[in-house]
Amino acid sequence: MNMMWYGRMIISTAFQGRQGKLELAGGALALTFANVTAFSVLTGLSAGMEPLCAQAFGAANYKLLGATLHRGITLLFLASLPIGFLWLNVTKILLKLGQDKEISKVAGTYLMFLLPDLAASSVLAPLRIYLRSQCITKPMMVASAISLILHLPINMALQNLGLKGTALAICWSDWNVVLMLLIYVYKTRLFKTTQVDQWWRTGWAPLLKLSVASCLLTCLEWWCYEILMLITGHLPNAEDAVSELVIVLNGDLILYGLQIAMAACASTRVGNELGANNLVGAYHAAVVAVGLSVVVGCAGASAMIVGRNAWGMVFSRDQGVLGGLGKLMCFLAMAEIFNFPLIVAGGVLRGTARMTVGLFLSLGFIYLFGLPIGVFLAFPWKLRFVGLLMGFVVAVAVCSALTLGVVSRTDWIHRTVLAQELINGEQCELKSFQSGELETIGLVVVDDENEKPEKK
């Protein structure tokens, strides 16, 4: 589903590139601003629903599941209001940030026609989490596939409008998915099971607490790429540099779709098992998810390296743009080897409602360490774009190792008890296990049947 979802963005970028370098750079800058100010914020706020929905479904607390969906949609709609105001003034903001005048004007036009997508995202992001927490994934995959199939003819029908048509095509495709999923929920009577009255009165505190932390974490993850885009705009020959970065990041976009898909699955499975009071299942889900992330990360990096020379031809025929893409793709492939386990381990932490751990690690090692080193290598040392990526790769590698260390030292007994308290709102006890069940996974040692388990 996620690969098809991001495949639509690749189609849109390809249509931008065919319109010219100015349109490609302006559209890329607009999407950068949209990601920084809107989509990262909305995705992050909705991610606060993940532990609540997953653990509520695991505990068969369907009323909490439905109430969380309503609260999540309301929260995102409220957050979209100030975001829309920023988008209407994006040209002035970009000029004050030192961006190129012509590129900034094109970006402002693009975002003006992308405004309806804010409302679509405010419904779609919570709805996807609501369905995924119940292990309902096939309808989302089918809806995304239909949207992808329709996205190409929609772009072709609107291509006479130029960049405006590309923005409207994105809105149209997102609303197609929203309508299809709403029809599915209505036809299957799924909303009847989770329907709850007066959801707006109480229960906001846990969601707001989780949403703020997950929003900050998601923004930090997204913003590092967008900051790279903004810094690249200050390099010599900005149009070529930004266009090269757009093409490289679109190659990374497919792998990022895999990363967040695996992270979402890890968060859902861990959350379901913790909600069901099953720490053994939660532990196994975390181990499998992290192990698969390492394997898929290596495979994805290899694919980027093998296809590095042919990838640029999809987006541009300009030899100045295509010249240095091979080396840049290799650098980004190195980052993906570490980025896969980092993102998936973050999903495990979300499933246990520990967003703040990843927040501090991202802030410390990517922003206070990686990006400053990249800027130093890019400008004083004059390594330009290669220098930026070198600092980024080192920071992601260190952050990945530390996050995996945190996951490996998780106290699953404590997390299971906290999950029960989160969804029930009261003190709870760990369920009983058969003798030897916990020892098989190395969590605890039981010396006597009458004694409490002691952690190793």
Protein backbone atom coordinates (compact mmCIF):
# COMPACT_ATOMS: atom_id res chain seq x y z
CA MET A 1 0.00 0.00 0.00
CA ASN A 2 2.73 2.47 0.94
CA MET A 3 4.78 1.75 -2.18
CA MET A 4 1.72 2.54 -4.31
CA TRP A 5 1.03 5.59 -2.16
CA TYR A 6 4.49 7.04 -2.76
CA GLY A 7 4.39 5.85 -6.34
CA ARG A 8 1.79 8.56 -6.92
CA MET A 9 4.28 11.18 -5.75
CA ILE A 10 6.87 9.86 -8.20
CA ILE A 11 4.34 10.20 -11.04
CA SER A 12 3.62 13.78 -9.96
CA THR A 13 7.32 14.62 -9.81
CA ALA A 14 7.85 13.12 -13.27
CA PHE A 15 5.11 15.39 -14.68
CA GLN A 16 6.75 18.38 -12.99
CA GLY A 17 10.13 17.49 -14.46
CA ARG A 18 8.73 17.29 -17.98
CA GLN A 19 7.48 20.88 -17.63
CA GLY A 20 11.01 22.22 -17.09
CA LYS A 21 13.71 22.75 -14.46
CA LEU A 22 11.96 25.77 -12.94
CA GLU A 23 8.72 23.83 -12.46
CA LEU A 24 10.59 20.83 -11.06
CA ALA A 25 12.52 22.98 -8.59
CA GLY A 26 9.47 25.09 -7.66
CA GLY A 27 7.25 22.05 -7.13
CA ALA A 28 9.96 20.37 -5.06
CA LEU A 29 10.37 23.47 -2.90
CA ALA A 30 6.59 23.64 -2.44
CA LEU A 31 6.42 20.01 -1.33
CA THR A 32 9.34 20.66 1.01
CA PHE A 33 7.43 23.50 2.64
CA ALA A 34 4.26 21.38 2.72
CA ASN A 35 6.10 18.50 4.38
CA VAL A 36 7.71 20.76 6.97
CA THR A 37 4.63 22.75 7.89
CA ALA A 38 1.77 20.33 7.23
CA PHE A 39 2.16 16.69 6.31
CA SER A 40 4.84 15.94 8.91
CA VAL A 41 2.70 17.67 11.56
CA LEU A 42 -0.54 15.91 10.60
CA THR A 43 1.16 12.51 10.27
CA GLY A 44 2.90 12.99 13.60
CA LEU A 45 -0.26 14.05 15.42
CA SER A 46 -2.15 11.07 14.04
CA ALA A 47 0.69 8.73 15.08
CA GLY A 48 -0.28 9.47 18.69
CA MET A 49 -3.35 7.34 17.96
CA GLU A 50 -1.28 4.24 17.19
CA PRO A 51 -0.60 2.90 20.72
CA LEU A 52 -4.11 3.80 21.88
CA CYS A 53 -5.88 2.16 18.92
CA ALA A 54 -3.62 -0.90 18.74
CA GLN A 55 -3.71 -1.59 22.46
CA ALA A 56 -7.48 -0.88 22.65
CA PHE A 57 -8.15 -3.42 19.89
CA GLY A 58 -5.89 -5.99 21.55
CA ALA A 59 -7.85 -5.53 24.77
CA ALA A 60 -11.21 -5.66 22.88
CA ASN A 61 -11.98 -2.12 24.10
CA TYR A 62 -13.79 -1.11 20.90
CA LYS A 63 -15.40 1.99 22.36
CA LEU A 64 -11.98 3.52 23.06
CA LEU A 65 -10.98 2.63 19.49
CA GLY A 66 -13.91 4.56 18.01
CA ALA A 67 -13.53 7.52 20.37
CA THR A 68 -9.84 7.81 19.47
CA LEU A 69 -10.70 7.96 15.76
CA HIS A 70 -13.15 10.84 16.30
CA ARG A 71 -10.71 12.74 18.50
CA GLY A 72 -7.87 12.21 16.04
CA ILE A 73 -9.82 13.60 13.07
CA THR A 74 -10.95 16.60 15.13
CA LEU A 75 -7.40 17.29 16.29
CA LEU A 76 -6.03 17.21 12.75
CA PHE A 77 -8.76 19.49 11.38
CA LEU A 78 -7.98 22.07 14.07
CA ALA A 79 -4.25 21.84 13.31
CA SER A 80 -4.94 22.38 9.58
CA LEU A 81 -6.40 25.87 10.07
CA PRO A 82 -3.13 27.71 10.92
CA ILE A 83 -1.28 25.55 8.39
CA GLY A 84 -3.57 26.74 5.61
CA PHE A 85 -2.85 30.35 6.56
CA LEU A 86 0.91 29.68 6.23
CA TRP A 87 0.43 28.18 2.78
CA LEU A 88 -1.37 31.28 1.55
CA ASN A 89 1.71 33.35 2.49
CA VAL A 90 4.37 30.87 1.38
CA THR A 91 5.94 33.09 -1.31
CA LYS A 92 6.76 35.85 1.18
CA ILE A 93 8.08 33.31 3.70
CA LEU A 94 10.39 31.62 1.18
CA LEU A 95 11.79 34.94 -0.02
CA LYS A 96 12.62 35.91 3.57
CA LEU A 97 14.40 32.56 3.93
CA GLY A 98 16.65 33.54 1.01
CA GLN A 99 15.19 31.27 -1.66
CA ASP A 100 15.26 32.11 -5.36
CA LYS A 101 12.51 34.57 -6.37
CA GLU A 102 11.20 32.69 -9.41
CA ILE A 103 11.24 29.31 -7.65
CA SER A 104 9.40 30.83 -4.68
CA LYS A 105 6.62 32.20 -6.91
CA VAL A 106 6.12 28.80 -8.54
CA ALA A 107 6.03 27.15 -5.09
CA GLY A 108 3.37 29.62 -3.89
CA THR A 109 1.11 28.83 -6.84
CA TYR A 110 1.55 25.10 -6.30
CA LEU A 111 0.58 25.21 -2.62
CA MET A 112 -2.46 27.39 -3.26
CA PHE A 113 -3.94 24.61 -5.40
CA LEU A 114 -2.83 21.93 -2.93
CA LEU A 115 -4.92 23.41 -0.07
CA PRO A 116 -7.83 20.90 -0.37
CA ASP A 117 -5.36 18.12 0.42
CA LEU A 118 -5.11 19.36 4.02
CA ALA A 119 -8.72 18.36 4.66
CA ALA A 120 -8.22 15.01 2.93
CA SER A 121 -5.13 14.24 5.02
CA SER A 122 -6.95 15.20 8.23
CA VAL A 123 -9.43 12.38 7.61
CA LEU A 124 -7.20 9.88 5.85
CA ALA A 125 -4.32 9.65 8.35
CA PRO A 126 -6.52 8.78 11.38
CA LEU A 127 -8.71 6.47 9.27
CA ARG A 128 -5.72 4.43 8.13
CA ILE A 129 -4.53 3.99 11.72
CA TYR A 130 -8.06 3.05 12.82
CA LEU A 131 -8.22 0.29 10.19
CA ARG A 132 -4.64 -0.90 10.54
CA SER A 133 -4.93 -1.30 14.32
CA GLN A 134 -7.70 -3.83 13.60
CA CYS A 135 -5.44 -5.62 11.09
CA ILE A 136 -7.66 -4.44 8.22
CA THR A 137 -5.10 -3.72 5.50
CA LYS A 138 -6.42 -5.17 2.23
CA PRO A 139 -9.09 -2.46 1.70
CA MET A 140 -6.41 0.22 2.12
CA MET A 141 -4.16 -1.59 -0.35
CA VAL A 142 -6.98 -1.88 -2.92
CA ALA A 143 -7.96 1.77 -2.48
CA SER A 144 -4.33 2.86 -2.92
CA ALA A 145 -3.99 0.68 -6.03
CA ILE A 146 -7.11 2.19 -7.62
CA SER A 147 -5.87 5.67 -6.74
CA LEU A 148 -2.48 4.93 -8.33
CA ILE A 149 -4.10 3.60 -11.51
CA LEU A 150 -6.28 6.70 -11.79
CA HIS A 151 -3.48 9.12 -10.90
CA LEU A 152 -1.76 8.89 -14.28
CA PRO A 153 -4.83 9.71 -16.41
CA ILE A 154 -5.82 12.44 -13.95
CA ASN A 155 -2.41 14.07 -14.39
CA MET A 156 -2.68 13.73 -18.16
CA ALA A 157 -6.13 15.31 -18.13
CA LEU A 158 -4.89 18.27 -16.06
CA GLN A 159 -1.44 18.70 -17.64
CA ASN A 160 -2.58 21.73 -19.67
CA LEU A 161 -2.87 23.59 -16.35
CA GLY A 162 0.85 23.07 -15.74
CA LEU A 163 1.96 22.89 -12.12
CA LYS A 164 -1.55 23.79 -10.96
CA GLY A 165 -2.85 20.61 -12.56
CA THR A 166 -0.20 18.51 -10.81
CA ALA A 167 -1.28 19.88 -7.42
CA LEU A 168 -4.97 19.34 -8.17
CA ALA A 169 -4.24 15.77 -9.27
CA ILE A 170 -2.69 15.01 -5.86
CA CYS A 171 -5.78 16.39 -4.08
CA TRP A 172 -8.11 14.45 -6.37
CA SER A 173 -6.26 11.17 -5.76
CA ASP A 174 -6.21 11.60 -1.97
CA TRP A 175 -9.94 12.31 -1.87
CA ASN A 176 -10.51 9.18 -3.97
CA VAL A 177 -8.86 7.09 -1.24
CA VAL A 178 -10.81 8.85 1.52
CA LEU A 179 -14.15 8.20 -0.16
CA MET A 180 -13.34 4.55 -0.90
CA LEU A 181 -12.34 3.85 2.72
CA LEU A 182 -15.40 5.65 4.11
CA ILE A 183 -17.63 3.57 1.82
CA TYR A 184 -15.89 0.40 3.10
CA VAL A 185 -16.43 1.37 6.76
CA TYR A 186 -20.10 2.11 6.07
CA LYS A 187 -20.81 -0.98 3.96
CA THR A 188 -19.18 -3.38 6.44
CA ARG A 189 -21.00 -1.70 9.36
CA LEU A 190 -17.61 -1.48 11.06
CA PHE A 191 -18.52 1.84 12.63
CA LYS A 192 -21.35 0.16 14.55
CA THR A 193 -18.88 -1.91 16.60
CA THR A 194 -16.78 1.09 17.60
CA GLN A 195 -19.53 3.71 17.83
CA VAL A 196 -19.43 5.79 21.01
CA ASP A 197 -21.47 8.75 22.19
CA GLN A 198 -20.09 11.95 23.72
CA TRP A 199 -16.50 11.12 22.73
CA TRP A 200 -15.59 14.82 22.96
CA ARG A 201 -16.21 15.13 26.71
CA THR A 202 -13.34 13.17 28.28
CA GLY A 203 -10.30 11.12 27.31
CA TRP A 204 -8.34 13.81 25.48
CA ALA A 205 -5.33 13.89 27.83
CA PRO A 206 -3.72 10.52 26.83
CA LEU A 207 -4.18 11.27 23.11
CA LEU A 208 -2.76 14.81 23.35
CA LYS A 209 0.22 13.62 25.38
CA LEU A 210 1.09 10.89 22.88
CA SER A 211 0.30 13.05 19.84
CA VAL A 212 2.56 15.94 20.84
CA ALA A 213 5.53 13.63 21.43
CA SER A 214 4.93 11.64 18.23
CA CYS A 215 4.43 14.86 16.27
CA LEU A 216 7.79 16.22 17.37
CA LEU A 217 9.48 12.90 16.56
CA THR A 218 7.87 12.59 13.12
CA CYS A 219 8.68 16.20 12.29
CA LEU A 220 12.33 15.67 13.20
CA GLU A 221 12.46 12.59 10.97
CA TRP A 222 10.88 14.40 8.01
CA TRP A 223 12.54 17.75 8.50
CA CYS A 224 16.08 16.43 8.18
CA TYR A 225 15.38 15.69 4.49
CA GLU A 226 13.60 18.97 3.98
CA ILE A 227 16.42 20.90 5.66
CA LEU A 228 18.77 19.23 3.19
CA MET A 229 16.55 20.60 0.41
CA LEU A 230 16.62 24.14 1.83
CA ILE A 231 20.40 24.05 2.33
CA THR A 232 20.85 22.74 -1.21
CA GLY A 233 19.02 25.85 -2.45
CA HIS A 234 21.99 27.92 -1.21
CA LEU A 235 24.60 25.90 -3.14
CA PRO A 236 26.08 27.27 -6.39
CA ASN A 237 23.88 26.54 -9.43
CA ALA A 238 20.84 26.06 -7.21
CA GLU A 239 18.44 24.88 -9.95
CA ASP A 240 20.63 21.90 -10.91
CA ALA A 241 21.48 21.10 -7.28
CA VAL A 242 17.84 21.12 -6.13
CA SER A 243 16.75 19.11 -9.18
CA GLU A 244 19.42 16.47 -8.46
CA LEU A 245 18.28 16.19 -4.86
CA VAL A 246 14.64 15.83 -5.95
CA ILE A 247 15.51 12.90 -8.22
CA VAL A 248 17.68 11.23 -5.57
CA LEU A 249 15.02 11.60 -2.86
CA ASN A 250 12.35 10.19 -5.16
CA GLY A 251 14.45 7.04 -5.37
CA ASP A 252 14.59 7.03 -1.60
CA LEU A 253 10.82 7.61 -1.45
CA ILE A 254 10.06 4.01 -2.44
CA LEU A 255 12.30 2.69 0.33
CA TYR A 256 10.80 5.16 2.79
CA GLY A 257 7.39 3.73 1.96
CA LEU A 258 8.73 0.31 2.97
CA GLN A 259 10.29 1.72 6.12
CA ILE A 260 7.17 3.35 7.50
CA ALA A 261 5.07 0.34 6.45
CA MET A 262 7.27 -1.99 8.48
CA ALA A 263 7.34 0.50 11.35
CA ALA A 264 3.54 0.75 11.30
CA CYS A 265 3.23 -3.05 11.30
CA ALA A 266 5.67 -3.30 14.21
CA SER A 267 3.77 -0.64 16.15
CA THR A 268 0.43 -2.36 15.50
CA ARG A 269 1.59 -5.87 16.37
CA VAL A 270 3.42 -4.79 19.52
CA GLY A 271 0.47 -2.64 20.57
CA ASN A 272 -2.07 -5.42 19.92
CA GLU A 273 -0.09 -7.89 22.04
CA LEU A 274 0.47 -5.45 24.88
CA GLY A 275 -3.23 -4.59 24.86
CA ALA A 276 -4.03 -8.31 25.00
CA ASN A 277 -1.77 -8.56 28.08
CA ASN A 278 0.67 -10.82 26.21
CA LEU A 279 4.23 -9.66 26.73
CA VAL A 280 5.67 -12.78 25.04
CA GLY A 281 3.88 -11.95 21.79
CA ALA A 282 4.97 -8.31 22.00
CA TYR A 283 8.59 -9.36 22.47
CA HIS A 284 8.48 -11.74 19.50
CA ALA A 285 6.84 -9.10 17.28
CA ALA A 286 9.60 -6.61 18.11
CA VAL A 287 12.39 -9.11 17.42
CA VAL A 288 10.94 -10.17 14.05
CA ALA A 289 10.33 -6.57 12.95
CA VAL A 290 13.85 -5.40 13.74
CA GLY A 291 15.41 -8.49 12.14
CA LEU A 292 13.45 -8.00 8.93
CA SER A 293 14.36 -4.31 8.82
CA VAL A 294 18.06 -5.15 8.63
CA VAL A 295 17.53 -7.62 5.78
CA VAL A 296 15.22 -5.34 3.77
CA GLY A 297 17.49 -2.35 4.36
CA CYS A 298 20.47 -4.13 2.83
CA ALA A 299 18.35 -5.30 -0.13
CA GLY A 300 16.96 -1.81 -0.71
CA ALA A 301 20.40 -0.20 -0.62
CA SER A 302 21.68 -2.74 -3.14
CA ALA A 303 18.77 -1.95 -5.47
CA MET A 304 19.54 1.79 -5.29
CA ILE A 305 23.18 1.18 -6.20
CA VAL A 306 22.39 -1.16 -9.10
CA GLY A 307 19.80 1.17 -10.63
CA ARG A 308 21.56 4.46 -9.93
CA ASN A 309 22.45 5.27 -13.56
CA ALA A 310 19.03 4.56 -15.06
CA TRP A 311 16.93 6.23 -12.36
CA GLY A 312 17.58 9.84 -13.36
CA MET A 313 16.35 9.31 -16.92
CA VAL A 314 12.81 8.88 -15.58
CA PHE A 315 12.71 12.49 -14.37
CA SER A 316 14.99 14.59 -16.55
CA ARG A 317 16.95 14.66 -19.82
CA ASP A 318 19.20 17.51 -18.72
CA GLN A 319 22.82 16.32 -18.74
CA GLY A 320 23.81 18.88 -16.13
CA VAL A 321 21.30 17.35 -13.74
CA LEU A 322 22.09 13.71 -14.58
CA GLY A 323 25.87 14.08 -14.32
CA GLY A 324 26.42 13.58 -10.58
CA LEU A 325 23.42 11.43 -9.71
CA GLY A 326 25.29 8.11 -9.58
CA LYS A 327 27.57 9.15 -6.71
CA LEU A 328 24.73 10.79 -4.78
CA MET A 329 22.56 7.65 -5.06
CA CYS A 330 25.41 5.59 -3.58
CA PHE A 331 25.69 7.91 -0.57
CA LEU A 332 21.96 7.76 0.08
CA ALA A 333 22.01 3.97 -0.26
CA MET A 334 24.53 3.84 2.58
CA ALA A 335 22.16 5.88 4.74
CA GLU A 336 19.28 3.46 4.05
CA ILE A 337 21.22 0.53 5.51
CA PHE A 338 21.00 2.28 8.89
CA ASN A 339 17.72 4.10 8.33
CA PHE A 340 15.63 0.93 7.99
CA PRO A 341 16.34 -0.43 11.48
CA LEU A 342 16.13 3.11 12.91
CA ILE A 343 12.61 3.72 11.57
CA VAL A 344 11.33 0.22 12.42
CA ALA A 345 12.77 0.36 15.95
CA GLY A 346 10.94 3.67 16.29
CA GLY A 347 7.75 1.82 15.36
CA VAL A 348 8.38 -0.65 18.18
CA LEU A 349 8.80 2.27 20.58
CA ARG A 350 5.50 3.76 19.34
CA GLY A 351 3.76 0.45 20.02
CA THR A 352 4.95 0.68 23.62
CA ALA A 353 3.92 4.37 23.83
CA ARG A 354 7.54 5.59 24.19
CA MET A 355 7.83 8.36 21.61
CA THR A 356 10.06 10.61 23.70
CA VAL A 357 13.02 8.21 23.57
CA GLY A 358 13.31 8.47 19.78
CA LEU A 359 12.69 12.20 20.03
CA PHE A 360 15.78 12.87 22.13
CA LEU A 361 17.97 10.56 20.03
CA SER A 362 16.92 12.25 16.76
CA LEU A 363 17.40 15.71 18.21
CA GLY A 364 20.82 14.92 19.65
CA PHE A 365 22.53 13.00 16.87
CA ILE A 366 20.91 14.15 13.63
CA TYR A 367 20.35 17.84 14.37
CA LEU A 368 23.13 18.67 16.80
CA PHE A 369 25.72 16.41 15.21
CA GLY A 370 24.95 15.25 11.65
CA LEU A 371 23.57 18.37 9.98
CA PRO A 372 26.21 20.79 11.38
CA ILE A 373 28.98 18.47 10.17
CA GLY A 374 27.28 18.21 6.77
CA VAL A 375 27.04 22.00 6.45
CA PHE A 376 30.71 22.34 7.43
CA LEU A 377 31.77 19.79 4.80
CA ALA A 378 29.49 21.32 2.14
CA PHE A 379 30.55 24.97 2.44
CA PRO A 380 33.91 25.59 4.17
CA TRP A 381 35.37 22.35 2.76
CA LYS A 382 33.52 22.89 -0.54
CA LEU A 383 32.31 19.28 -0.86
CA ARG A 384 28.85 20.65 -1.62
CA PHE A 385 26.04 18.08 -1.80
CA VAL A 386 28.35 15.13 -1.11
CA GLY A 387 29.44 16.78 2.14
CA LEU A 388 25.83 17.23 3.25
CA LEU A 389 25.10 13.55 2.71
CA MET A 390 28.29 12.43 4.48
CA GLY A 391 27.26 14.16 7.71
CA PHE A 392 23.74 12.75 7.39
CA VAL A 393 24.94 9.16 6.93
CA VAL A 394 27.17 9.28 10.03
CA ALA A 395 24.40 10.73 12.20
CA VAL A 396 21.81 8.15 11.06
CA ALA A 397 24.24 5.31 11.75
CA VAL A 398 24.89 6.44 15.34
CA CYS A 399 21.20 7.16 16.00
CA SER A 400 20.21 3.74 14.65
CA ALA A 401 22.65 1.92 16.92
CA LEU A 402 21.44 3.76 20.01
CA THR A 403 17.74 3.24 19.20
CA LEU A 404 18.28 -0.48 18.70
CA GLY A 405 20.06 -0.54 22.05
CA VAL A 406 17.04 1.04 23.75
CA VAL A 407 14.67 -1.51 22.17
CA SER A 408 16.88 -4.43 23.20
CA ARG A 409 16.79 -3.31 26.84
CA THR A 410 12.99 -2.92 26.99
CA ASP A 411 11.36 -4.13 30.22
CA TRP A 412 8.44 -5.97 28.62
CA ILE A 413 6.80 -6.83 31.94
CA HIS A 414 6.63 -3.16 32.92
CA ARG A 415 5.43 -2.15 29.44
CA THR A 416 2.61 -4.70 29.52
CA VAL A 417 1.35 -3.40 32.87
CA LEU A 418 1.54 0.22 31.65
CA ALA A 419 -0.42 -0.70 28.51
CA GLN A 420 -3.24 -2.09 30.63
CA GLU A 421 -3.30 1.06 32.73
CA LEU A 422 -3.34 3.26 29.60
CA ILE A 423 -6.37 1.65 27.99
CA ASN A 424 -8.29 0.92 31.20
CA GLY A 425 -7.40 4.07 33.10
CA GLU A 426 -6.70 2.21 36.35
CA GLN A 427 -4.04 0.16 38.12
CA CYS A 428 -3.73 -3.34 36.62
CA GLU A 429 -1.74 -6.49 37.22
CA LEU A 430 0.16 -8.72 34.83
CA LYS A 431 -1.72 -11.83 33.82
CA SER A 432 -0.42 -15.21 34.98
CA PHE A 433 1.85 -17.31 32.77
CA GLN A 434 2.58 -21.00 32.76
CA SER A 435 5.82 -22.12 34.35
CA GLY A 436 8.71 -21.75 31.92
CA GLU A 437 6.82 -19.62 29.36
CA LEU A 438 8.68 -16.41 30.11
CA GLU A 439 12.06 -18.03 30.66
CA THR A 440 12.08 -19.38 27.09
CA ILE A 441 12.58 -15.88 25.70
CA GLY A 442 15.07 -14.83 28.36
CA LEU A 443 12.90 -12.20 30.02
CA VAL A 444 12.69 -13.45 33.59
CA VAL A 445 13.80 -16.25 35.87
CA VAL A 446 11.32 -17.87 38.26
CA ASP A 447 12.96 -19.49 41.29
CA ASP A 448 9.79 -20.67 42.95
CA GLU A 449 6.14 -20.86 41.91
CA ASN A 450 5.08 -18.77 44.91
CA GLU A 451 7.62 -16.04 44.27
CA LYS A 452 7.24 -13.13 41.89
CA PRO A 453 9.30 -13.25 38.67
CA GLU A 454 12.67 -11.57 38.98
CA LYS A 455 14.12 -9.79 36.00
CA LYS A 456 17.52 -11.00 34.83
